[in-house]
Full PDB file with SEQRES, HELIX, SHEET, SSBOND, CRYST1, ORIGX, SCALE, CONECT and MASTER records, all heavy atoms in Angstrom:
SEQRES   1 A   33  ALA PHE GLN LEU VAL ALA ASP ARG TYR SER ASP LEU ASN          
SEQRES   2 A   33  LEU SER THR PRO GLN ILE TRP MET PRO SER LEU GLN LEU          
SEQRES   3 A   33  GLY LEU GLY LEU TRP GLN GLY                                  
SHEET    1 AA1 2 PHE A   2  VAL A   5  0                                        
SHEET    2 AA1 2 ARG A   8  ASP A  11 -1                                        
SHEET    1 AA2 2 GLN A  18  MET A  21  0                                        
SHEET    2 AA2 2 LEU A  26  GLY A  29 -1                                        
CRYST1    1.000    1.000    1.000  90.00  90.00  90.00 P 1           1          
ORIGX1      1.000000  0.000000  0.000000        0.00000                         
ORIGX2      0.000000  1.000000  0.000000        0.00000                         
ORIGX3      0.000000  0.000000  1.000000        0.00000                         
SCALE1      1.000000  0.000000  0.000000        0.00000                         
SCALE2      0.000000  1.000000  0.000000        0.00000                         
SCALE3      0.000000  0.000000  1.000000        0.00000                         
ATOM      1  N   ALA A   1     -39.919 -16.594   1.890  1.00  0.00           N  
ATOM      2  CA  ALA A   1     -38.675 -16.241   2.550  1.00  0.00           C  
ATOM      3  C   ALA A   1     -37.541 -17.065   1.970  1.00  0.00           C  
ATOM      4  O   ALA A   1     -37.687 -18.260   1.713  1.00  0.00           O  
ATOM      5  CB  ALA A   1     -38.784 -16.476   4.059  1.00  0.00           C  
ATOM      6  N   PHE A   2     -36.404 -16.414   1.778  1.00  0.00           N  
ATOM      7  CA  PHE A   2     -35.226 -17.053   1.216  1.00  0.00           C  
ATOM      8  C   PHE A   2     -34.038 -16.778   2.129  1.00  0.00           C  
ATOM      9  O   PHE A   2     -33.817 -15.643   2.553  1.00  0.00           O  
ATOM     10  CB  PHE A   2     -34.953 -16.532  -0.195  1.00  0.00           C  
ATOM     11  CG  PHE A   2     -36.126 -16.657  -1.124  1.00  0.00           C  
ATOM     12  CD1 PHE A   2     -37.049 -15.627  -1.245  1.00  0.00           C  
ATOM     13  CD2 PHE A   2     -36.330 -17.821  -1.849  1.00  0.00           C  
ATOM     14  CE1 PHE A   2     -38.152 -15.740  -2.081  1.00  0.00           C  
ATOM     15  CE2 PHE A   2     -37.422 -17.948  -2.696  1.00  0.00           C  
ATOM     16  CZ  PHE A   2     -38.329 -16.910  -2.810  1.00  0.00           C  
ATOM     17  N   GLN A   3     -33.294 -17.830   2.431  1.00  0.00           N  
ATOM     18  CA  GLN A   3     -32.116 -17.714   3.287  1.00  0.00           C  
ATOM     19  C   GLN A   3     -30.879 -18.086   2.495  1.00  0.00           C  
ATOM     20  O   GLN A   3     -30.888 -19.043   1.711  1.00  0.00           O  
ATOM     21  CB  GLN A   3     -32.246 -18.627   4.508  1.00  0.00           C  
ATOM     22  CG  GLN A   3     -31.092 -18.505   5.488  1.00  0.00           C  
ATOM     23  CD  GLN A   3     -31.271 -19.392   6.710  1.00  0.00           C  
ATOM     24  OE1 GLN A   3     -32.200 -20.190   6.780  1.00  0.00           O  
ATOM     25  NE2 GLN A   3     -30.390 -19.249   7.680  1.00  0.00           N  
ATOM     26  N   LEU A   4     -29.820 -17.326   2.698  1.00  0.00           N  
ATOM     27  CA  LEU A   4     -28.573 -17.595   1.990  1.00  0.00           C  
ATOM     28  C   LEU A   4     -27.912 -18.849   2.560  1.00  0.00           C  
ATOM     29  O   LEU A   4     -27.537 -18.891   3.730  1.00  0.00           O  
ATOM     30  CB  LEU A   4     -27.631 -16.402   2.109  1.00  0.00           C  
ATOM     31  CG  LEU A   4     -26.451 -16.359   1.146  1.00  0.00           C  
ATOM     32  CD1 LEU A   4     -26.936 -16.168  -0.288  1.00  0.00           C  
ATOM     33  CD2 LEU A   4     -25.483 -15.252   1.536  1.00  0.00           C  
ATOM     34  N   VAL A   5     -27.791 -19.870   1.724  1.00  0.00           N  
ATOM     35  CA  VAL A   5     -27.171 -21.132   2.124  1.00  0.00           C  
ATOM     36  C   VAL A   5     -26.194 -21.533   1.025  1.00  0.00           C  
ATOM     37  O   VAL A   5     -26.589 -21.705  -0.127  1.00  0.00           O  
ATOM     38  CB  VAL A   5     -28.224 -22.245   2.332  1.00  0.00           C  
ATOM     39  CG1 VAL A   5     -27.535 -23.560   2.695  1.00  0.00           C  
ATOM     40  CG2 VAL A   5     -29.228 -21.848   3.409  1.00  0.00           C  
ATOM     41  N   ALA A   6     -24.916 -21.676   1.396  1.00  0.00           N  
ATOM     42  CA  ALA A   6     -23.893 -22.095   0.421  1.00  0.00           C  
ATOM     43  C   ALA A   6     -23.928 -21.232  -0.836  1.00  0.00           C  
ATOM     44  O   ALA A   6     -23.969 -21.726  -1.965  1.00  0.00           O  
ATOM     45  CB  ALA A   6     -24.070 -23.566   0.057  1.00  0.00           C  
ATOM     46  N   ASP A   7     -23.948 -19.915  -0.633  1.00  0.00           N  
ATOM     47  CA  ASP A   7     -23.852 -18.926  -1.701  1.00  0.00           C  
ATOM     48  C   ASP A   7     -25.097 -18.781  -2.564  1.00  0.00           C  
ATOM     49  O   ASP A   7     -25.081 -18.050  -3.552  1.00  0.00           O  
ATOM     50  CB  ASP A   7     -22.657 -19.215  -2.629  1.00  0.00           C  
ATOM     51  CG  ASP A   7     -21.343 -19.207  -1.888  1.00  0.00           C  
ATOM     52  OD1 ASP A   7     -21.232 -18.450  -0.898  1.00  0.00           O  
ATOM     53  OD2 ASP A   7     -20.440 -19.962  -2.296  1.00  0.00           O  
ATOM     54  N   ARG A   8     -26.167 -19.482  -2.218  1.00  0.00           N  
ATOM     55  CA  ARG A   8     -27.395 -19.361  -2.997  1.00  0.00           C  
ATOM     56  C   ARG A   8     -28.588 -19.253  -2.053  1.00  0.00           C  
ATOM     57  O   ARG A   8     -28.564 -19.757  -0.937  1.00  0.00           O  
ATOM     58  CB  ARG A   8     -27.588 -20.590  -3.921  1.00  0.00           C  
ATOM     59  CG  ARG A   8     -26.577 -20.655  -5.058  1.00  0.00           C  
ATOM     60  CD  ARG A   8     -26.810 -19.560  -6.072  1.00  0.00           C  
ATOM     61  NE  ARG A   8     -25.901 -19.653  -7.206  1.00  0.00           N  
ATOM     62  CZ  ARG A   8     -24.721 -19.062  -7.284  1.00  0.00           C  
ATOM     63  NH1 ARG A   8     -24.287 -18.333  -6.254  1.00  0.00           N  
ATOM     64  NH2 ARG A   8     -23.969 -19.177  -8.359  1.00  0.00           N  
ATOM     65  N   TYR A   9     -29.648 -18.620  -2.542  1.00  0.00           N  
ATOM     66  CA  TYR A   9     -30.853 -18.513  -1.743  1.00  0.00           C  
ATOM     67  C   TYR A   9     -31.616 -19.829  -1.744  1.00  0.00           C  
ATOM     68  O   TYR A   9     -31.867 -20.425  -2.798  1.00  0.00           O  
ATOM     69  CB  TYR A   9     -31.762 -17.405  -2.262  1.00  0.00           C  
ATOM     70  CG  TYR A   9     -31.405 -16.036  -1.732  1.00  0.00           C  
ATOM     71  CD1 TYR A   9     -31.479 -14.919  -2.549  1.00  0.00           C  
ATOM     72  CD2 TYR A   9     -30.996 -15.857  -0.408  1.00  0.00           C  
ATOM     73  CE1 TYR A   9     -31.149 -13.656  -2.069  1.00  0.00           C  
ATOM     74  CE2 TYR A   9     -30.664 -14.607   0.082  1.00  0.00           C  
ATOM     75  CZ  TYR A   9     -30.737 -13.519  -0.745  1.00  0.00           C  
ATOM     76  OH  TYR A   9     -30.415 -12.276  -0.261  1.00  0.00           O  
ATOM     77  N   SER A  10     -31.955 -20.260  -0.543  1.00  0.00           N  
ATOM     78  CA  SER A  10     -32.777 -21.450  -0.368  1.00  0.00           C  
ATOM     79  C   SER A  10     -34.176 -21.012   0.050  1.00  0.00           C  
ATOM     80  O   SER A  10     -34.332 -20.214   0.990  1.00  0.00           O  
ATOM     81  CB  SER A  10     -32.165 -22.356   0.708  1.00  0.00           C  
ATOM     82  OG  SER A  10     -33.004 -23.454   0.989  1.00  0.00           O  
ATOM     83  N   ASP A  11     -35.176 -21.511  -0.642  1.00  0.00           N  
ATOM     84  CA  ASP A  11     -36.570 -21.179  -0.351  1.00  0.00           C  
ATOM     85  C   ASP A  11     -36.981 -21.867   0.951  1.00  0.00           C  
ATOM     86  O   ASP A  11     -36.978 -23.101   1.035  1.00  0.00           O  
ATOM     87  CB  ASP A  11     -37.456 -21.637  -1.513  1.00  0.00           C  
ATOM     88  CG  ASP A  11     -38.886 -21.141  -1.385  1.00  0.00           C  
ATOM     89  OD1 ASP A  11     -39.243 -20.575  -0.331  1.00  0.00           O  
ATOM     90  OD2 ASP A  11     -39.654 -21.323  -2.344  1.00  0.00           O  
ATOM     91  N   LEU A  12     -37.314 -21.080   1.973  1.00  0.00           N  
ATOM     92  CA  LEU A  12     -37.721 -21.660   3.245  1.00  0.00           C  
ATOM     93  C   LEU A  12     -39.149 -22.176   3.147  1.00  0.00           C  
ATOM     94  O   LEU A  12     -40.052 -21.461   2.703  1.00  0.00           O  
ATOM     95  CB  LEU A  12     -37.620 -20.610   4.365  1.00  0.00           C  
ATOM     96  CG  LEU A  12     -36.212 -20.073   4.652  1.00  0.00           C  
ATOM     97  CD1 LEU A  12     -36.268 -19.025   5.757  1.00  0.00           C  
ATOM     98  CD2 LEU A  12     -35.275 -21.206   5.044  1.00  0.00           C  
ATOM     99  N   ASN A  13     -39.347 -23.412   3.573  1.00  0.00           N  
ATOM    100  CA  ASN A  13     -40.676 -24.012   3.571  1.00  0.00           C  
ATOM    101  C   ASN A  13     -41.396 -23.573   4.833  1.00  0.00           C  
ATOM    102  O   ASN A  13     -41.132 -24.071   5.928  1.00  0.00           O  
ATOM    103  CB  ASN A  13     -40.565 -25.539   3.509  1.00  0.00           C  
ATOM    104  CG  ASN A  13     -41.920 -26.211   3.391  1.00  0.00           C  
ATOM    105  OD1 ASN A  13     -42.933 -25.548   3.116  1.00  0.00           O  
ATOM    106  ND2 ASN A  13     -41.954 -27.516   3.625  1.00  0.00           N  
ATOM    107  N   LEU A  14     -42.307 -22.624   4.685  1.00  0.00           N  
ATOM    108  CA  LEU A  14     -42.969 -22.038   5.846  1.00  0.00           C  
ATOM    109  C   LEU A  14     -44.246 -22.805   6.166  1.00  0.00           C  
ATOM    110  O   LEU A  14     -45.259 -22.671   5.480  1.00  0.00           O  
ATOM    111  CB  LEU A  14     -43.293 -20.567   5.575  1.00  0.00           C  
ATOM    112  CG  LEU A  14     -42.108 -19.661   5.202  1.00  0.00           C  
ATOM    113  CD1 LEU A  14     -42.599 -18.238   4.960  1.00  0.00           C  
ATOM    114  CD2 LEU A  14     -41.042 -19.691   6.276  1.00  0.00           C  
ATOM    115  N   SER A  15     -44.205 -23.621   7.230  1.00  0.00           N  
ATOM    116  CA  SER A  15     -45.423 -24.296   7.675  1.00  0.00           C  
ATOM    117  C   SER A  15     -46.375 -23.291   8.314  1.00  0.00           C  
ATOM    118  O   SER A  15     -47.592 -23.450   8.276  1.00  0.00           O  
ATOM    119  CB  SER A  15     -45.082 -25.406   8.669  1.00  0.00           C  
ATOM    120  OG  SER A  15     -44.345 -24.897   9.764  1.00  0.00           O  
ATOM    121  N   THR A  16     -45.820 -22.247   8.908  1.00  0.00           N  
ATOM    122  CA  THR A  16     -46.583 -21.096   9.388  1.00  0.00           C  
ATOM    123  C   THR A  16     -45.910 -19.853   8.819  1.00  0.00           C  
ATOM    124  O   THR A  16     -44.707 -19.873   8.544  1.00  0.00           O  
ATOM    125  CB  THR A  16     -46.597 -21.017  10.927  1.00  0.00           C  
ATOM    126  OG1 THR A  16     -45.251 -20.906  11.407  1.00  0.00           O  
ATOM    127  CG2 THR A  16     -47.254 -22.253  11.530  1.00  0.00           C  
ATOM    128  N   PRO A  17     -46.647 -18.768   8.657  1.00  0.00           N  
ATOM    129  CA  PRO A  17     -46.060 -17.577   8.036  1.00  0.00           C  
ATOM    130  C   PRO A  17     -45.170 -16.798   9.004  1.00  0.00           C  
ATOM    131  O   PRO A  17     -45.437 -15.644   9.343  1.00  0.00           O  
ATOM    132  CB  PRO A  17     -47.295 -16.769   7.614  1.00  0.00           C  
ATOM    133  CG  PRO A  17     -48.340 -17.145   8.614  1.00  0.00           C  
ATOM    134  CD  PRO A  17     -48.087 -18.588   8.942  1.00  0.00           C  
ATOM    135  N   GLN A  18     -44.100 -17.445   9.453  1.00  0.00           N  
ATOM    136  CA  GLN A  18     -43.160 -16.822  10.373  1.00  0.00           C  
ATOM    137  C   GLN A  18     -41.745 -17.288  10.050  1.00  0.00           C  
ATOM    138  O   GLN A  18     -41.538 -18.439   9.676  1.00  0.00           O  
ATOM    139  CB  GLN A  18     -43.503 -17.164  11.826  1.00  0.00           C  
ATOM    140  CG  GLN A  18     -44.833 -16.584  12.309  1.00  0.00           C  
ATOM    141  CD  GLN A  18     -45.078 -16.868  13.781  1.00  0.00           C  
ATOM    142  OE1 GLN A  18     -44.585 -17.852  14.331  1.00  0.00           O  
ATOM    143  NE2 GLN A  18     -45.833 -16.008  14.433  1.00  0.00           N  
ATOM    144  N   ILE A  19     -40.790 -16.375  10.220  1.00  0.00           N  
ATOM    145  CA  ILE A  19     -39.378 -16.683   9.963  1.00  0.00           C  
ATOM    146  C   ILE A  19     -38.569 -16.241  11.172  1.00  0.00           C  
ATOM    147  O   ILE A  19     -38.541 -15.046  11.493  1.00  0.00           O  
ATOM    148  CB  ILE A  19     -38.852 -15.942   8.708  1.00  0.00           C  
ATOM    149  CG1 ILE A  19     -39.737 -16.221   7.494  1.00  0.00           C  
ATOM    150  CG2 ILE A  19     -37.408 -16.312   8.429  1.00  0.00           C  
ATOM    151  CD1 ILE A  19     -40.706 -15.091   7.177  1.00  0.00           C  
ATOM    152  N   TRP A  20     -37.942 -17.175  11.854  1.00  0.00           N  
ATOM    153  CA  TRP A  20     -37.100 -16.850  12.995  1.00  0.00           C  
ATOM    154  C   TRP A  20     -35.666 -16.645  12.515  1.00  0.00           C  
ATOM    155  O   TRP A  20     -35.146 -17.449  11.745  1.00  0.00           O  
ATOM    156  CB  TRP A  20     -37.151 -17.952  14.040  1.00  0.00           C  
ATOM    157  CG  TRP A  20     -36.275 -17.675  15.230  1.00  0.00           C  
ATOM    158  CD1 TRP A  20     -35.130 -18.316  15.582  1.00  0.00           C  
ATOM    159  CD2 TRP A  20     -36.482 -16.668  16.219  1.00  0.00           C  
ATOM    160  NE1 TRP A  20     -34.598 -17.772  16.721  1.00  0.00           N  
ATOM    161  CE2 TRP A  20     -35.400 -16.753  17.139  1.00  0.00           C  
ATOM    162  CE3 TRP A  20     -37.463 -15.685  16.420  1.00  0.00           C  
ATOM    163  CZ2 TRP A  20     -35.292 -15.902  18.241  1.00  0.00           C  
ATOM    164  CZ3 TRP A  20     -37.354 -14.839  17.513  1.00  0.00           C  
ATOM    165  CH2 TRP A  20     -36.286 -14.951  18.409  1.00  0.00           C  
ATOM    166  N   MET A  21     -35.027 -15.555  12.962  1.00  0.00           N  
ATOM    167  CA  MET A  21     -33.664 -15.224  12.562  1.00  0.00           C  
ATOM    168  C   MET A  21     -32.776 -15.238  13.799  1.00  0.00           C  
ATOM    169  O   MET A  21     -32.721 -14.255  14.543  1.00  0.00           O  
ATOM    170  CB  MET A  21     -33.637 -13.856  11.874  1.00  0.00           C  
ATOM    171  CG  MET A  21     -34.558 -13.778  10.674  1.00  0.00           C  
ATOM    172  SD  MET A  21     -34.556 -12.142   9.869  1.00  0.00           S  
ATOM    173  CE  MET A  21     -35.953 -12.347   8.750  1.00  0.00           C  
ATOM    174  N   PRO A  22     -32.076 -16.352  14.053  1.00  0.00           N  
ATOM    175  CA  PRO A  22     -31.323 -16.512  15.306  1.00  0.00           C  
ATOM    176  C   PRO A  22     -30.292 -15.421  15.546  1.00  0.00           C  
ATOM    177  O   PRO A  22     -30.101 -14.986  16.683  1.00  0.00           O  
ATOM    178  CB  PRO A  22     -30.658 -17.886  15.137  1.00  0.00           C  
ATOM    179  CG  PRO A  22     -31.494 -18.606  14.145  1.00  0.00           C  
ATOM    180  CD  PRO A  22     -31.995 -17.562  13.209  1.00  0.00           C  
ATOM    181  N   SER A  23     -29.620 -14.973  14.498  1.00  0.00           N  
ATOM    182  CA  SER A  23     -28.582 -13.962  14.682  1.00  0.00           C  
ATOM    183  C   SER A  23     -29.139 -12.638  15.180  1.00  0.00           C  
ATOM    184  O   SER A  23     -28.433 -11.854  15.825  1.00  0.00           O  
ATOM    185  CB  SER A  23     -27.816 -13.730  13.380  1.00  0.00           C  
ATOM    186  OG  SER A  23     -27.148 -14.901  12.972  1.00  0.00           O  
ATOM    187  N   LEU A  24     -30.396 -12.386  14.880  1.00  0.00           N  
ATOM    188  CA  LEU A  24     -31.039 -11.158  15.352  1.00  0.00           C  
ATOM    189  C   LEU A  24     -31.800 -11.372  16.650  1.00  0.00           C  
ATOM    190  O   LEU A  24     -32.141 -10.401  17.330  1.00  0.00           O  
ATOM    191  CB  LEU A  24     -32.033 -10.638  14.302  1.00  0.00           C  
ATOM    192  CG  LEU A  24     -31.484 -10.068  13.010  1.00  0.00           C  
ATOM    193  CD1 LEU A  24     -32.632  -9.620  12.118  1.00  0.00           C  
ATOM    194  CD2 LEU A  24     -30.534  -8.914  13.270  1.00  0.00           C  
ATOM    195  N   GLN A  25     -32.100 -12.647  16.970  1.00  0.00           N  
ATOM    196  CA  GLN A  25     -33.008 -12.949  18.076  1.00  0.00           C  
ATOM    197  C   GLN A  25     -34.357 -12.267  17.867  1.00  0.00           C  
ATOM    198  O   GLN A  25     -34.992 -11.778  18.802  1.00  0.00           O  
ATOM    199  CB  GLN A  25     -32.398 -12.561  19.417  1.00  0.00           C  
ATOM    200  CG  GLN A  25     -31.317 -13.513  19.896  1.00  0.00           C  
ATOM    201  CD  GLN A  25     -31.855 -14.927  20.120  1.00  0.00           C  
ATOM    202  OE1 GLN A  25     -32.673 -15.171  21.018  1.00  0.00           O  
ATOM    203  NE2 GLN A  25     -31.413 -15.861  19.298  1.00  0.00           N  
ATOM    204  N   LEU A  26     -34.779 -12.266  16.617  1.00  0.00           N  
ATOM    205  CA  LEU A  26     -36.070 -11.713  16.217  1.00  0.00           C  
ATOM    206  C   LEU A  26     -36.683 -12.607  15.159  1.00  0.00           C  
ATOM    207  O   LEU A  26     -35.972 -13.314  14.438  1.00  0.00           O  
ATOM    208  CB  LEU A  26     -35.923 -10.310  15.619  1.00  0.00           C  
ATOM    209  CG  LEU A  26     -35.652  -9.121  16.539  1.00  0.00           C  
ATOM    210  CD1 LEU A  26     -35.580  -7.849  15.710  1.00  0.00           C  
ATOM    211  CD2 LEU A  26     -36.712  -8.992  17.619  1.00  0.00           C  
ATOM    212  N   GLY A  27     -37.996 -12.543  15.073  1.00  0.00           N  
ATOM    213  CA  GLY A  27     -38.699 -13.242  14.007  1.00  0.00           C  
ATOM    214  C   GLY A  27     -39.582 -12.274  13.246  1.00  0.00           C  
ATOM    215  O   GLY A  27     -39.975 -11.220  13.763  1.00  0.00           O  
ATOM    216  N   LEU A  28     -39.884 -12.626  12.011  1.00  0.00           N  
ATOM    217  CA  LEU A  28     -40.754 -11.819  11.159  1.00  0.00           C  
ATOM    218  C   LEU A  28     -41.916 -12.690  10.716  1.00  0.00           C  
ATOM    219  O   LEU A  28     -41.711 -13.813  10.246  1.00  0.00           O  
ATOM    220  CB  LEU A  28     -39.977 -11.310   9.946  1.00  0.00           C  
ATOM    221  CG  LEU A  28     -40.712 -10.374   8.984  1.00  0.00           C  
ATOM    222  CD1 LEU A  28     -41.127  -9.091   9.682  1.00  0.00           C  
ATOM    223  CD2 LEU A  28     -39.823 -10.062   7.780  1.00  0.00           C  
ATOM    224  N   GLY A  29     -43.127 -12.181  10.886  1.00  0.00           N  
ATOM    225  CA  GLY A  29     -44.281 -12.986  10.515  1.00  0.00           C  
ATOM    226  C   GLY A  29     -45.478 -12.141  10.149  1.00  0.00           C  
ATOM    227  O   GLY A  29     -45.445 -10.908  10.211  1.00  0.00           O  
ATOM    228  N   LEU A  30     -46.555 -12.823   9.767  1.00  0.00           N  
ATOM    229  CA  LEU A  30     -47.797 -12.161   9.404  1.00  0.00           C  
ATOM    230  C   LEU A  30     -48.689 -12.045  10.634  1.00  0.00           C  
ATOM    231  O   LEU A  30     -48.937 -13.027  11.327  1.00  0.00           O  
ATOM    232  CB  LEU A  30     -48.517 -12.930   8.297  1.00  0.00           C  
ATOM    233  CG  LEU A  30     -47.850 -12.914   6.920  1.00  0.00           C  
ATOM    234  CD1 LEU A  30     -48.713 -13.668   5.912  1.00  0.00           C  
ATOM    235  CD2 LEU A  30     -47.623 -11.480   6.435  1.00  0.00           C  
ATOM    236  N   TRP A  31     -49.163 -10.846  10.873  1.00  0.00           N  
ATOM    237  CA  TRP A  31     -50.006 -10.518  12.029  1.00  0.00           C  
ATOM    238  C   TRP A  31     -51.318  -9.940  11.542  1.00  0.00           C  
ATOM    239  O   TRP A  31     -51.341  -9.042  10.710  1.00  0.00           O  
ATOM    240  CB  TRP A  31     -49.259  -9.521  12.909  1.00  0.00           C  
ATOM    241  CG  TRP A  31     -50.097  -8.796  13.922  1.00  0.00           C  
ATOM    242  CD1 TRP A  31     -50.600  -9.291  15.082  1.00  0.00           C  
ATOM    243  CD2 TRP A  31     -50.515  -7.421  13.857  1.00  0.00           C  
ATOM    244  NE1 TRP A  31     -51.298  -8.311  15.747  1.00  0.00           N  
ATOM    245  CE2 TRP A  31     -51.260  -7.151  15.026  1.00  0.00           C  
ATOM    246  CE3 TRP A  31     -50.312  -6.389  12.934  1.00  0.00           C  
ATOM    247  CZ2 TRP A  31     -51.821  -5.898  15.276  1.00  0.00           C  
ATOM    248  CZ3 TRP A  31     -50.874  -5.144  13.182  1.00  0.00           C  
ATOM    249  CH2 TRP A  31     -51.621  -4.914  14.343  1.00  0.00           C  
ATOM    250  N   GLN A  32     -52.421 -10.466  12.041  1.00  0.00           N  
ATOM    251  CA  GLN A  32     -53.742  -9.930  11.705  1.00  0.00           C  
ATOM    252  C   GLN A  32     -54.107  -8.886  12.750  1.00  0.00           C  
ATOM    253  O   GLN A  32     -54.193  -9.182  13.943  1.00  0.00           O  
ATOM    254  CB  GLN A  32     -54.788 -11.046  11.702  1.00  0.00           C  
ATOM    255  CG  GLN A  32     -56.208 -10.587  11.378  1.00  0.00           C  
ATOM    256  CD  GLN A  32     -56.418 -10.311   9.897  1.00  0.00           C  
ATOM    257  OE1 GLN A  32     -55.854 -11.025   9.060  1.00  0.00           O  
ATOM    258  NE2 GLN A  32     -57.209  -9.309   9.567  1.00  0.00           N  
ATOM    259  N   GLY A  33     -54.298  -7.659  12.312  1.00  0.00           N  
ATOM    260  CA  GLY A  33     -54.644  -6.630  13.274  1.00  0.00           C  
ATOM    261  C   GLY A  33     -54.799  -5.276  12.619  1.00  0.00           C  
ATOM    262  O   GLY A  33     -54.704  -5.124  11.397  1.00  0.00           O  
TER     263      GLY A  33                                                      
MASTER        0    0    0    0    4    0    0    6  262    1    0    3          
END                                                                             
């Protein structure tokens, strides 16, 4: 996952395979099912 920070993409260090997006009030992650 990459987030736009200061005009460039910053690689998010994912300790778990989930990304929370505050502006959306949603998160995206890996689900086994």
